[in-house]
C-alpha atoms as a PDB file:
ATOM      1  CA  UNK A   1       0.000   0.000   0.000  1.00  0.00           C
ATOM      2  CA  UNK A   2       1.539   3.337  -1.021  1.00  0.00           C
ATOM      3  CA  UNK A   3       2.128   6.066   1.529  1.00  0.00           C
ATOM      4  CA  UNK A   4      -0.596   8.687   1.573  1.00  0.00           C
ATOM      5  CA  UNK A   5      -0.311  11.861   3.611  1.00  0.00           C
ATOM      6  CA  UNK A   6      -3.310  12.438   5.894  1.00  0.00           C
ATOM      7  CA  UNK A   7      -5.725  15.094   4.635  1.00  0.00           C
ATOM      8  CA  UNK A   8      -4.978  17.561   7.455  1.00  0.00           C
ATOM      9  CA  UNK A   9      -1.240  17.431   6.753  1.00  0.00           C
ATOM     10  CA  UNK A  10      -1.810  18.038   3.030  1.00  0.00           C
ATOM     11  CA  UNK A  11      -3.905  21.082   3.843  1.00  0.00           C
ATOM     12  CA  UNK A  12      -1.298  22.472   6.247  1.00  0.00           C
ATOM     13  CA  UNK A  13       1.570  21.853   3.835  1.00  0.00           C
ATOM     14  CA  UNK A  14      -0.411  23.499   1.035  1.00  0.00           C
ATOM     15  CA  UNK A  15      -1.191  26.509   3.218  1.00  0.00           C
ATOM     16  CA  UNK A  16       2.433  26.753   4.315  1.00  0.00           C
ATOM     17  CA  UNK A  17       3.597  26.622   0.691  1.00  0.00           C
ATOM     18  CA  UNK A  18       1.064  29.262  -0.380  1.00  0.00           C
ATOM     19  CA  UNK A  19       2.029  31.529   2.510  1.00  0.00           C
ATOM     20  CA  UNK A  20       5.770  31.055   1.826  1.00  0.00           C
ATOM     21  CA  UNK A  21       5.309  31.758  -1.897  1.00  0.00           C
ATOM     22  CA  UNK A  22       3.228  34.828  -1.107  1.00  0.00           C
ATOM     23  CA  UNK A  23       5.772  36.198   1.345  1.00  0.00           C
ATOM     24  CA  UNK A  24       8.624  35.539  -1.089  1.00  0.00           C
ATOM     25  CA  UNK A  25       6.724  37.270  -3.911  1.00  0.00           C
ATOM     26  CA  UNK A  26       6.056  40.306  -1.734  1.00  0.00           C
ATOM     27  CA  UNK A  27       9.736  40.494  -0.758  1.00  0.00           C
ATOM     28  CA  UNK A  28      10.724  40.262  -4.422  1.00  0.00           C
ATOM     29  CA  UNK A  29       8.297  43.056  -5.229  1.00  0.00           C
ATOM     30  CA  UNK A  30       9.542  45.271  -2.413  1.00  0.00           C
ATOM     31  CA  UNK A  31      13.204  44.639  -3.303  1.00  0.00           C
ATOM     32  CA  UNK A  32      12.565  45.259  -7.015  1.00  0.00           C
ATOM     33  CA  UNK A  33      12.857  49.030  -7.148  1.00  0.00           C
ATOM     34  CA  UNK A  34      12.841  49.282 -10.936  1.00  0.00           C
ATOM     35  CA  UNK A  35      10.214  51.478 -12.507  1.00  0.00           C
ATOM     36  CA  UNK A  36       7.792  50.474 -15.257  1.00  0.00           C
ATOM     37  CA  UNK A  37      10.395  50.122 -18.031  1.00  0.00           C
ATOM     38  CA  UNK A  38      13.476  50.581 -15.858  1.00  0.00           C
ATOM     39  CA  UNK A  39      15.479  47.680 -17.271  1.00  0.00           C
ATOM     40  CA  UNK A  40      15.112  48.587 -20.951  1.00  0.00           C
ATOM     41  CA  UNK A  41      18.091  50.946 -20.938  1.00  0.00           C
ATOM     42  CA  UNK A  42      20.302  48.359 -19.232  1.00  0.00           C
ATOM     43  CA  UNK A  43      19.193  45.730 -21.778  1.00  0.00           C
ATOM     44  CA  UNK A  44      19.920  48.103 -24.658  1.00  0.00           C
ATOM     45  CA  UNK A  45      23.364  48.945 -23.276  1.00  0.00           C
ATOM     46  CA  UNK A  46      24.164  45.245 -22.832  1.00  0.00           C
ATOM     47  CA  UNK A  47      23.068  44.511 -26.410  1.00  0.00           C
ATOM     48  CA  UNK A  48      25.228  47.337 -27.745  1.00  0.00           C
ATOM     49  CA  UNK A  49      28.242  46.150 -25.739  1.00  0.00           C
ATOM     50  CA  UNK A  50      27.685  42.589 -26.985  1.00  0.00           C
ATOM     51  CA  UNK A  51      27.476  43.675 -30.623  1.00  0.00           C
ATOM     52  CA  UNK A  52      30.635  45.792 -30.228  1.00  0.00           C
ATOM     53  CA  UNK A  53      32.499  42.796 -28.775  1.00  0.00           C
ATOM     54  CA  UNK A  54      31.404  40.588 -31.652  1.00  0.00           C
ATOM     55  CA  UNK A  55      32.346  43.170 -34.274  1.00  0.00           C
ATOM     56  CA  UNK A  56      35.772  43.635 -32.681  1.00  0.00           C
ATOM     57  CA  UNK A  57      36.272  39.866 -32.541  1.00  0.00           C
ATOM     58  CA  UNK A  58      36.660  39.884 -28.758  1.00  0.00           C
ATOM     59  CA  UNK A  59      33.432  38.255 -27.624  1.00  0.00           C
ATOM     60  CA  UNK A  60      33.673  36.875 -24.141  1.00  0.00           C
ATOM     61  CA  UNK A  61      33.240  33.237 -23.207  1.00  0.00           C
ATOM     62  CA  UNK A  62      30.282  34.094 -20.963  1.00  0.00           C
ATOM     63  CA  UNK A  63      28.323  35.802 -23.758  1.00  0.00           C
ATOM     64  CA  UNK A  64      28.906  32.896 -26.134  1.00  0.00           C
ATOM     65  CA  UNK A  65      27.597  30.361 -23.629  1.00  0.00           C
ATOM     66  CA  UNK A  66      24.479  32.352 -22.804  1.00  0.00           C
ATOM     67  CA  UNK A  67      23.216  32.059 -26.393  1.00  0.00           C
ATOM     68  CA  UNK A  68      24.605  28.618 -27.169  1.00  0.00           C
ATOM     69  CA  UNK A  69      22.589  25.453 -27.550  1.00  0.00           C
ATOM     70  CA  UNK A  70      23.852  24.389 -24.129  1.00  0.00           C
ATOM     71  CA  UNK A  71      22.461  27.597 -22.589  1.00  0.00           C
ATOM     72  CA  UNK A  72      19.050  27.055 -24.184  1.00  0.00           C
ATOM     73  CA  UNK A  73      18.947  23.405 -23.113  1.00  0.00           C
ATOM     74  CA  UNK A  74      19.854  24.432 -19.562  1.00  0.00           C
ATOM     75  CA  UNK A  75      16.958  26.933 -19.544  1.00  0.00           C
ATOM     76  CA  UNK A  76      14.561  24.296 -20.866  1.00  0.00           C
ATOM     77  CA  UNK A  77      15.700  21.807 -18.215  1.00  0.00           C
ATOM     78  CA  UNK A  78      15.292  24.344 -15.382  1.00  0.00           C
ATOM     79  CA  UNK A  79      11.796  25.367 -16.505  1.00  0.00           C
ATOM     80  CA  UNK A  80      10.752  21.728 -16.982  1.00  0.00           C
ATOM     81  CA  UNK A  81      12.050  20.777 -13.529  1.00  0.00           C
ATOM     82  CA  UNK A  82      10.283  23.710 -11.854  1.00  0.00           C
ATOM     83  CA  UNK A  83       6.988  22.925 -13.555  1.00  0.00           C
ATOM     84  CA  UNK A  84       7.327  19.214 -12.772  1.00  0.00           C
ATOM     85  CA  UNK A  85       7.857  19.917  -9.067  1.00  0.00           C
ATOM     86  CA  UNK A  86       5.052  22.504  -8.990  1.00  0.00           C
ATOM     87  CA  UNK A  87       2.583  20.168 -10.700  1.00  0.00           C
ATOM     88  CA  UNK A  88       3.475  17.040  -8.708  1.00  0.00           C
ATOM     89  CA  UNK A  89       0.440  15.910  -6.729  1.00  0.00           C
ATOM     90  CA  UNK A  90      -1.925  18.676  -7.814  1.00  0.00           C
ATOM     91  CA  UNK A  91      -5.500  18.154  -8.998  1.00  0.00           C
ATOM     92  CA  UNK A  92      -4.596  17.878 -12.672  1.00  0.00           C
ATOM     93  CA  UNK A  93      -2.164  15.059 -11.887  1.00  0.00           C
ATOM     94  CA  UNK A  94      -4.756  13.244  -9.802  1.00  0.00           C
ATOM     95  CA  UNK A  95      -7.291  13.702 -12.598  1.00  0.00           C
ATOM     96  CA  UNK A  96      -4.804  12.294 -15.090  1.00  0.00           C
ATOM     97  CA  UNK A  97      -4.229   9.274 -12.832  1.00  0.00           C
ATOM     98  CA  UNK A  98      -7.971   8.642 -12.619  1.00  0.00           C
ATOM     99  CA  UNK A  99      -8.393   9.022 -16.382  1.00  0.00           C
ATOM    100  CA  UNK A 100      -5.412   6.754 -17.018  1.00  0.00           C
ATOM    101  CA  UNK A 101      -7.020   4.063 -14.907  1.00  0.00           C
ATOM    102  CA  UNK A 102     -10.322   4.218 -16.785  1.00  0.00           C
ATOM    103  CA  UNK A 103      -9.332   5.277 -20.330  1.00  0.00           C
ATOM    104  CA  UNK A 104      -6.738   4.411 -22.943  1.00  0.00           C
ATOM    105  CA  UNK A 105      -3.385   5.343 -21.297  1.00  0.00           C
ATOM    106  CA  UNK A 106      -1.854   6.533 -24.582  1.00  0.00           C
ATOM    107  CA  UNK A 107      -4.838   8.789 -25.258  1.00  0.00           C
ATOM    108  CA  UNK A 108      -4.688  10.157 -21.705  1.00  0.00           C
ATOM    109  CA  UNK A 109      -0.936  10.801 -21.984  1.00  0.00           C
ATOM    110  CA  UNK A 110      -1.276  12.570 -25.327  1.00  0.00           C
ATOM    111  CA  UNK A 111      -4.393  14.490 -24.287  1.00  0.00           C
ATOM    112  CA  UNK A 112      -2.826  15.540 -20.985  1.00  0.00           C
ATOM    113  CA  UNK A 113       0.345  16.653 -22.758  1.00  0.00           C
ATOM    114  CA  UNK A 114      -1.579  18.677 -25.332  1.00  0.00           C
ATOM    115  CA  UNK A 115      -3.665  20.252 -22.564  1.00  0.00           C
ATOM    116  CA  UNK A 116      -0.573  21.266 -20.582  1.00  0.00           C
ATOM    117  CA  UNK A 117       1.145  22.636 -23.684  1.00  0.00           C
ATOM    118  CA  UNK A 118      -1.913  24.737 -24.561  1.00  0.00           C
ATOM    119  CA  UNK A 119      -2.172  26.020 -20.986  1.00  0.00           C
ATOM    120  CA  UNK A 120       1.539  26.908 -21.024  1.00  0.00           C
ATOM    121  CA  UNK A 121       1.212  28.739 -24.353  1.00  0.00           C
ATOM    122  CA  UNK A 122      -1.699  30.760 -23.009  1.00  0.00           C
ATOM    123  CA  UNK A 123       0.290  31.578 -19.847  1.00  0.00           C
ATOM    124  CA  UNK A 124       3.403  32.623 -21.792  1.00  0.00           C
ATOM    125  CA  UNK A 125       1.528  34.721 -24.353  1.00  0.00           C
ATOM    126  CA  UNK A 126      -0.651  36.261 -21.655  1.00  0.00           C
ATOM    127  CA  UNK A 127       2.349  37.005 -19.443  1.00  0.00           C
ATOM    128  CA  UNK A 128       4.233  38.529 -22.348  1.00  0.00           C
ATOM    129  CA  UNK A 129       1.247  40.735 -23.217  1.00  0.00           C
ATOM    130  CA  UNK A 130       0.571  41.799 -19.634  1.00  0.00           C
ATOM    131  CA  UNK A 131       4.253  42.604 -19.011  1.00  0.00           C
ATOM    132  CA  UNK A 132       3.947  45.456 -21.516  1.00  0.00           C
ATOM    133  CA  UNK A 133       1.412  47.181 -19.271  1.00  0.00           C
ATOM    134  CA  UNK A 134       2.218  46.043 -15.725  1.00  0.00           C
ATOM    135  CA  UNK A 135       5.606  46.092 -14.022  1.00  0.00           C
ATOM    136  CA  UNK A 136       7.167  42.967 -12.535  1.00  0.00           C
ATOM    137  CA  UNK A 137       7.014  44.673  -9.151  1.00  0.00           C
ATOM    138  CA  UNK A 138       3.223  45.028  -9.395  1.00  0.00           C
ATOM    139  CA  UNK A 139       2.854  41.381 -10.411  1.00  0.00           C
ATOM    140  CA  UNK A 140       5.020  40.229  -7.485  1.00  0.00           C
ATOM    141  CA  UNK A 141       3.167  42.336  -4.923  1.00  0.00           C
ATOM    142  CA  UNK A 142      -0.300  41.404  -6.227  1.00  0.00           C
ATOM    143  CA  UNK A 143       0.422  37.683  -6.479  1.00  0.00           C
ATOM    144  CA  UNK A 144       2.082  37.682  -3.061  1.00  0.00           C
ATOM    145  CA  UNK A 145      -0.910  39.313  -1.406  1.00  0.00           C
ATOM    146  CA  UNK A 146      -3.327  36.940  -3.170  1.00  0.00           C
ATOM    147  CA  UNK A 147      -1.363  33.838  -2.138  1.00  0.00           C
ATOM    148  CA  UNK A 148      -1.320  34.964   1.493  1.00  0.00           C
ATOM    149  CA  UNK A 149      -5.062  35.688   1.362  1.00  0.00           C
ATOM    150  CA  UNK A 150      -5.665  32.219  -0.142  1.00  0.00           C
ATOM    151  CA  UNK A 151      -3.537  30.603   2.583  1.00  0.00           C
ATOM    152  CA  UNK A 152      -5.396  32.424   5.353  1.00  0.00           C
ATOM    153  CA  UNK A 153      -8.879  31.735   3.964  1.00  0.00           C
ATOM    154  CA  UNK A 154      -8.034  28.071   3.442  1.00  0.00           C
ATOM    155  CA  UNK A 155      -6.602  27.757   6.951  1.00  0.00           C
ATOM    156  CA  UNK A 156      -9.756  29.302   8.399  1.00  0.00           C
ATOM    157  CA  UNK A 157     -11.990  27.129   6.182  1.00  0.00           C
ATOM    158  CA  UNK A 158     -13.544  30.154   4.477  1.00  0.00           C
ATOM    159  CA  UNK A 159     -13.388  28.453   1.098  1.00  0.00           C
END
């Protein structure tokens, strides 16, 4: 028989995680003192410096690795690992387990993968669009406050 965490412990660990994430997001928002488009000038200066290094033939090792295939694969691995850990044991995983037990496993695997890819595309496109109008600081502060509110209301059984 597999180990299953008692329901009360799952609720407390979920609340603790939500509260921790909220507090961390608020701290990131408070520590991020950049204005609405504050990093654009720094990005432009870095791009100019990079292009000057390439044109002079003196590109640094660090700049080459950041745009190499290895750098892209590292980014993909980090994002995949973070999403895997975040999704482990959530409702969509439990739903997929139930569907896999009652439906064709290949169809469930493909359908679940397509569903997650579509959800990720919507999140990336939406985040990219919203970032043009809302600063990262605002997103951090808002999401932090919401996560803490969710943790408190769940702990007090207001949901």
